[in-house]
N, C-alpha and C. Protein backbone atom coordinates (compact mmCIF):
# COMPACT_ATOMS: atom_id res chain seq x y z
N UNK A 1 224.19 245.43 158.71
CA UNK A 1 222.86 245.44 158.14
C UNK A 1 222.21 244.06 158.35
N UNK A 2 220.96 244.06 158.76
CA UNK A 2 220.25 242.81 158.94
C UNK A 2 219.22 242.65 157.80
N UNK A 3 218.55 241.54 157.79
CA UNK A 3 217.63 241.24 156.68
C UNK A 3 216.44 242.20 156.63
N UNK A 4 215.96 242.65 157.80
CA UNK A 4 214.85 243.60 157.81
C UNK A 4 215.26 244.92 157.20
N UNK A 5 216.46 245.38 157.52
CA UNK A 5 216.96 246.63 156.94
C UNK A 5 217.17 246.47 155.43
N UNK A 6 217.71 245.33 155.02
CA UNK A 6 217.90 245.06 153.61
C UNK A 6 216.55 245.06 152.88
N UNK A 7 215.56 244.41 153.44
CA UNK A 7 214.24 244.36 152.80
C UNK A 7 213.65 245.75 152.69
N UNK A 8 213.67 246.52 153.74
CA UNK A 8 213.15 247.88 153.69
C UNK A 8 213.87 248.73 152.66
N UNK A 9 215.18 248.57 152.57
CA UNK A 9 215.96 249.33 151.62
C UNK A 9 215.58 248.99 150.19
N UNK A 10 215.47 247.68 149.93
CA UNK A 10 215.13 247.24 148.54
C UNK A 10 213.72 247.69 148.17
N UNK A 11 212.76 247.54 149.07
CA UNK A 11 211.37 247.88 148.75
C UNK A 11 211.14 249.38 148.64
N UNK A 12 212.06 250.20 149.14
CA UNK A 12 211.95 251.65 149.01
C UNK A 12 212.32 252.13 147.61
N UNK A 13 212.90 251.27 146.83
CA UNK A 13 213.30 251.63 145.46
C UNK A 13 212.07 251.68 144.56
N UNK A 14 212.01 252.63 143.66
CA UNK A 14 210.85 252.75 142.76
C UNK A 14 210.59 251.48 141.98
N UNK A 15 209.34 251.00 142.03
CA UNK A 15 208.93 249.82 141.28
C UNK A 15 209.42 248.50 141.83
N UNK A 16 210.08 248.47 142.96
CA UNK A 16 210.62 247.21 143.52
C UNK A 16 209.51 246.37 144.09
N UNK A 17 209.61 245.07 143.85
CA UNK A 17 208.66 244.10 144.38
C UNK A 17 209.46 242.96 145.02
N UNK A 18 208.79 242.17 145.86
CA UNK A 18 209.40 241.01 146.45
C UNK A 18 208.56 239.79 146.16
N UNK A 19 209.21 238.63 146.04
CA UNK A 19 208.47 237.39 145.78
C UNK A 19 209.34 236.22 146.18
N UNK A 20 208.78 235.03 146.07
CA UNK A 20 209.47 233.77 146.41
C UNK A 20 209.39 232.80 145.24
N UNK A 21 209.93 233.15 144.06
CA UNK A 21 209.79 232.28 142.89
C UNK A 21 210.60 230.99 142.99
N UNK A 22 211.58 230.89 143.88
CA UNK A 22 212.43 229.71 144.00
C UNK A 22 212.18 228.92 145.25
N UNK A 23 211.04 229.16 145.90
CA UNK A 23 210.73 228.47 147.13
C UNK A 23 210.68 229.42 148.31
N UNK A 24 210.21 228.90 149.42
CA UNK A 24 209.95 229.76 150.59
C UNK A 24 211.21 230.23 151.32
N UNK A 25 212.38 229.76 150.94
CA UNK A 25 213.60 230.19 151.62
C UNK A 25 214.35 231.28 150.87
N UNK A 26 213.99 231.58 149.64
CA UNK A 26 214.76 232.57 148.88
C UNK A 26 213.87 233.76 148.54
N UNK A 27 214.16 234.89 149.17
CA UNK A 27 213.45 236.13 148.92
C UNK A 27 214.12 236.85 147.74
N UNK A 28 213.29 237.18 146.75
CA UNK A 28 213.80 237.79 145.53
C UNK A 28 213.19 239.18 145.35
N UNK A 29 214.05 240.16 145.08
CA UNK A 29 213.58 241.52 144.80
C UNK A 29 213.76 241.78 143.29
N UNK A 30 212.71 242.36 142.71
CA UNK A 30 212.71 242.60 141.27
C UNK A 30 212.29 244.05 141.00
N UNK A 31 212.71 244.51 139.82
CA UNK A 31 212.20 245.77 139.27
C UNK A 31 211.82 245.47 137.83
N UNK A 32 210.63 245.86 137.42
CA UNK A 32 210.17 245.57 136.08
C UNK A 32 210.14 244.09 135.76
N UNK A 33 209.94 243.25 136.78
CA UNK A 33 209.91 241.81 136.58
C UNK A 33 211.28 241.14 136.48
N UNK A 34 212.35 241.91 136.66
CA UNK A 34 213.72 241.37 136.56
C UNK A 34 214.39 241.44 137.94
N UNK A 35 215.09 240.36 138.27
CA UNK A 35 215.74 240.26 139.59
C UNK A 35 216.92 241.23 139.71
N UNK A 36 217.00 241.88 140.90
CA UNK A 36 218.20 242.66 141.19
C UNK A 36 218.83 242.25 142.52
N UNK A 37 218.16 241.44 143.34
CA UNK A 37 218.75 240.97 144.59
C UNK A 37 218.01 239.72 145.05
N UNK A 38 218.78 238.75 145.55
CA UNK A 38 218.24 237.52 146.14
C UNK A 38 218.90 237.32 147.50
N UNK A 39 218.13 236.84 148.45
CA UNK A 39 218.69 236.52 149.76
C UNK A 39 218.01 235.29 150.32
N UNK A 40 218.80 234.38 150.87
CA UNK A 40 218.27 233.19 151.53
C UNK A 40 217.83 233.55 152.95
N UNK A 41 216.69 233.06 153.34
CA UNK A 41 216.16 233.39 154.66
C UNK A 41 216.72 232.52 155.77
N UNK A 42 217.13 231.31 155.46
CA UNK A 42 217.62 230.43 156.52
C UNK A 42 219.01 230.86 157.00
N UNK A 43 219.82 231.37 156.12
CA UNK A 43 221.12 231.92 156.47
C UNK A 43 221.22 233.32 155.85
N UNK A 44 220.63 234.29 156.47
CA UNK A 44 220.50 235.62 155.88
C UNK A 44 221.77 236.47 156.10
N UNK A 45 222.93 235.86 155.93
CA UNK A 45 224.17 236.62 156.12
C UNK A 45 224.82 237.00 154.76
N UNK A 46 224.15 236.68 153.68
CA UNK A 46 224.68 237.06 152.35
C UNK A 46 223.55 237.26 151.38
N UNK A 47 223.82 238.01 150.32
CA UNK A 47 222.83 238.21 149.27
C UNK A 47 223.55 238.22 147.92
N UNK A 48 222.80 237.99 146.85
CA UNK A 48 223.33 238.02 145.49
C UNK A 48 222.83 239.30 144.82
N UNK A 49 223.74 239.98 144.15
CA UNK A 49 223.40 241.17 143.37
C UNK A 49 224.03 241.11 141.99
N UNK A 50 223.35 241.72 141.03
CA UNK A 50 223.90 241.81 139.67
C UNK A 50 224.96 242.90 139.68
N UNK A 51 225.96 242.74 138.78
CA UNK A 51 227.08 243.68 138.79
C UNK A 51 227.71 243.75 137.40
N UNK A 52 228.17 244.93 137.04
CA UNK A 52 228.94 245.08 135.82
C UNK A 52 230.12 244.11 135.91
N UNK A 53 230.41 243.44 134.79
CA UNK A 53 231.41 242.36 134.82
C UNK A 53 232.78 242.82 135.29
N UNK A 54 233.23 243.98 134.86
CA UNK A 54 234.55 244.46 135.31
C UNK A 54 234.56 244.86 136.77
N UNK A 55 233.49 245.52 137.20
CA UNK A 55 233.34 245.91 138.60
C UNK A 55 233.22 244.67 139.48
N UNK A 56 232.55 243.63 139.00
CA UNK A 56 232.38 242.41 139.79
C UNK A 56 233.75 241.82 140.14
N UNK A 57 234.65 241.77 139.19
CA UNK A 57 236.00 241.24 139.43
C UNK A 57 236.76 242.14 140.38
N UNK A 58 236.66 243.44 140.18
CA UNK A 58 237.36 244.41 141.04
C UNK A 58 236.89 244.27 142.50
N UNK A 59 235.59 244.16 142.70
CA UNK A 59 235.06 244.01 144.05
C UNK A 59 235.51 242.72 144.72
N UNK A 60 235.56 241.64 143.94
CA UNK A 60 236.04 240.34 144.47
C UNK A 60 237.49 240.42 144.88
N UNK A 61 238.30 241.13 144.10
CA UNK A 61 239.71 241.24 144.41
C UNK A 61 239.96 242.13 145.61
N UNK A 62 239.12 243.13 145.80
CA UNK A 62 239.31 244.12 146.88
C UNK A 62 238.71 243.66 148.21
N UNK A 63 237.63 242.87 148.17
CA UNK A 63 236.92 242.50 149.40
C UNK A 63 236.74 240.99 149.48
N UNK A 64 237.26 240.37 150.53
CA UNK A 64 237.06 238.92 150.70
C UNK A 64 235.59 238.54 150.92
N UNK A 65 234.77 239.50 151.30
CA UNK A 65 233.33 239.25 151.53
C UNK A 65 232.54 239.14 150.23
N UNK A 66 233.18 239.46 149.11
CA UNK A 66 232.49 239.45 147.82
C UNK A 66 233.02 238.26 147.00
N UNK A 67 232.13 237.36 146.63
CA UNK A 67 232.47 236.13 145.91
C UNK A 67 231.69 236.06 144.60
N UNK A 68 232.10 235.20 143.67
CA UNK A 68 231.26 234.99 142.48
C UNK A 68 229.87 234.51 142.90
N UNK A 69 228.86 234.95 142.18
CA UNK A 69 227.47 234.68 142.53
C UNK A 69 227.16 233.20 142.69
N UNK A 70 226.71 232.83 143.87
CA UNK A 70 226.34 231.44 144.16
C UNK A 70 225.10 231.08 143.37
N UNK A 71 225.17 230.01 142.57
CA UNK A 71 224.06 229.53 141.72
C UNK A 71 223.63 230.58 140.69
N UNK A 72 224.52 231.49 140.32
CA UNK A 72 224.20 232.54 139.36
C UNK A 72 225.27 232.59 138.30
N UNK A 73 225.06 233.43 137.28
CA UNK A 73 226.09 233.68 136.28
C UNK A 73 227.26 234.37 136.96
N UNK A 74 228.38 233.70 137.06
CA UNK A 74 229.53 234.20 137.83
C UNK A 74 230.13 235.45 137.25
N UNK A 75 229.88 235.72 135.99
CA UNK A 75 230.41 236.93 135.35
C UNK A 75 229.63 238.19 135.77
N UNK A 76 228.32 238.01 136.00
CA UNK A 76 227.45 239.17 136.23
C UNK A 76 226.84 239.26 137.61
N UNK A 77 227.05 238.25 138.45
CA UNK A 77 226.44 238.28 139.78
C UNK A 77 227.51 238.00 140.84
N UNK A 78 227.36 238.74 141.95
CA UNK A 78 228.23 238.53 143.11
C UNK A 78 227.40 238.09 144.31
N UNK A 79 227.99 237.26 145.13
CA UNK A 79 227.45 236.97 146.46
C UNK A 79 228.23 237.82 147.44
N UNK A 80 227.50 238.57 148.24
CA UNK A 80 228.09 239.53 149.17
C UNK A 80 227.74 239.10 150.60
N UNK A 81 228.76 238.88 151.42
CA UNK A 81 228.56 238.50 152.82
C UNK A 81 228.47 239.76 153.68
N UNK A 82 227.45 239.79 154.54
CA UNK A 82 227.20 240.96 155.39
C UNK A 82 227.84 240.87 156.75
N UNK A 83 228.54 239.79 157.04
CA UNK A 83 229.10 239.59 158.39
C UNK A 83 230.61 239.82 158.42
N UNK A 84 231.10 240.66 157.52
CA UNK A 84 232.53 240.94 157.46
C UNK A 84 232.81 242.40 157.63
N UNK A 85 233.79 242.89 156.91
CA UNK A 85 234.29 244.24 157.08
C UNK A 85 233.52 245.27 156.27
N UNK A 86 232.58 244.86 155.41
CA UNK A 86 231.84 245.81 154.60
C UNK A 86 230.83 246.57 155.46
N UNK A 87 230.81 247.89 155.32
CA UNK A 87 229.85 248.69 156.09
C UNK A 87 228.55 248.86 155.31
N UNK A 88 227.56 249.45 155.95
CA UNK A 88 226.24 249.58 155.33
C UNK A 88 226.31 250.40 154.04
N UNK A 89 227.14 251.41 154.02
CA UNK A 89 227.27 252.25 152.81
C UNK A 89 227.80 251.42 151.63
N UNK A 90 228.78 250.56 151.87
CA UNK A 90 229.30 249.71 150.82
C UNK A 90 228.25 248.68 150.38
N UNK A 91 227.52 248.11 151.34
CA UNK A 91 226.50 247.15 151.00
C UNK A 91 225.38 247.78 150.18
N UNK A 92 224.89 248.95 150.63
CA UNK A 92 223.81 249.58 149.90
C UNK A 92 224.31 250.09 148.52
N UNK A 93 225.57 250.44 148.43
CA UNK A 93 226.13 250.83 147.14
C UNK A 93 226.06 249.68 146.15
N UNK A 94 226.34 248.47 146.58
CA UNK A 94 226.24 247.30 145.70
C UNK A 94 224.79 247.02 145.35
N UNK A 95 223.88 247.22 146.29
CA UNK A 95 222.45 247.05 146.01
C UNK A 95 221.97 248.08 145.00
N UNK A 96 222.40 249.32 145.20
CA UNK A 96 222.03 250.40 144.26
C UNK A 96 222.55 250.11 142.86
N UNK A 97 223.80 249.66 142.76
CA UNK A 97 224.38 249.35 141.47
C UNK A 97 223.56 248.26 140.77
N UNK A 98 223.20 247.23 141.49
CA UNK A 98 222.42 246.13 140.91
C UNK A 98 221.06 246.64 140.42
N UNK A 99 220.37 247.39 141.25
CA UNK A 99 219.07 247.94 140.89
C UNK A 99 219.21 248.82 139.65
N UNK A 100 220.19 249.71 139.66
CA UNK A 100 220.37 250.62 138.52
C UNK A 100 220.70 249.89 137.23
N UNK A 101 221.52 248.86 137.33
CA UNK A 101 221.89 248.04 136.17
C UNK A 101 220.66 247.33 135.59
N UNK A 102 219.85 246.74 136.44
CA UNK A 102 218.64 246.04 135.99
C UNK A 102 217.64 247.04 135.42
N UNK A 103 217.44 248.16 136.13
CA UNK A 103 216.50 249.19 135.65
C UNK A 103 216.92 249.71 134.28
N UNK A 104 218.19 249.97 134.07
CA UNK A 104 218.70 250.47 132.81
C UNK A 104 218.47 249.47 131.67
N UNK A 105 218.37 248.21 131.98
CA UNK A 105 218.15 247.17 130.97
C UNK A 105 216.68 246.97 130.62
N UNK A 106 215.79 247.64 131.33
CA UNK A 106 214.36 247.51 131.03
C UNK A 106 214.02 248.32 129.78
N UNK A 107 212.97 247.92 129.08
CA UNK A 107 212.53 248.73 127.94
C UNK A 107 212.15 250.14 128.42
N UNK A 108 212.29 251.12 127.54
CA UNK A 108 212.00 252.53 127.90
C UNK A 108 210.58 252.69 128.45
N UNK A 109 209.63 251.97 127.88
CA UNK A 109 208.24 252.06 128.34
C UNK A 109 208.15 251.56 129.78
N UNK A 110 208.81 250.48 130.09
CA UNK A 110 208.81 249.97 131.45
C UNK A 110 209.47 250.92 132.43
N UNK A 111 210.56 251.55 132.02
CA UNK A 111 211.22 252.55 132.84
C UNK A 111 210.29 253.72 133.11
N UNK A 112 209.62 254.18 132.08
CA UNK A 112 208.70 255.33 132.22
C UNK A 112 207.56 255.01 133.17
N UNK A 113 207.02 253.79 133.08
CA UNK A 113 205.91 253.40 133.98
C UNK A 113 206.37 253.39 135.44
N UNK A 114 207.60 252.93 135.69
CA UNK A 114 208.12 252.90 137.06
C UNK A 114 208.40 254.32 137.54
N UNK A 115 208.95 255.17 136.69
CA UNK A 115 209.26 256.54 137.10
C UNK A 115 208.03 257.37 137.36
N UNK A 116 206.91 257.01 136.73
CA UNK A 116 205.65 257.74 136.94
C UNK A 116 205.02 257.36 138.27
N UNK A 117 205.05 256.07 138.60
CA UNK A 117 204.38 255.60 139.81
C UNK A 117 205.11 255.93 141.09
């Protein structure tokens, strides 16, 4: 998966937006104003995603391409490298999990507004 495919995949999610709140090198995807994925543009070989704390540990133990989230809460965020043995289905599965986790944490009104649009 390359950065263009990642971007298209993230923006296809209901209510997903992109922005550069941390500077021009870090592309951030949000739902309901909350981050679900970050990727650096200068070295676009990895991204950060939010993860259930138990699953985060399991993924790190199972895949050398999954590390504790760089510059993030290490308990809830993983850095995932795209230049290893993980296939697109595994990568998009981690993106989906992050999006779903963040979406579920939104207020019910915010969820309803996203589901309507």
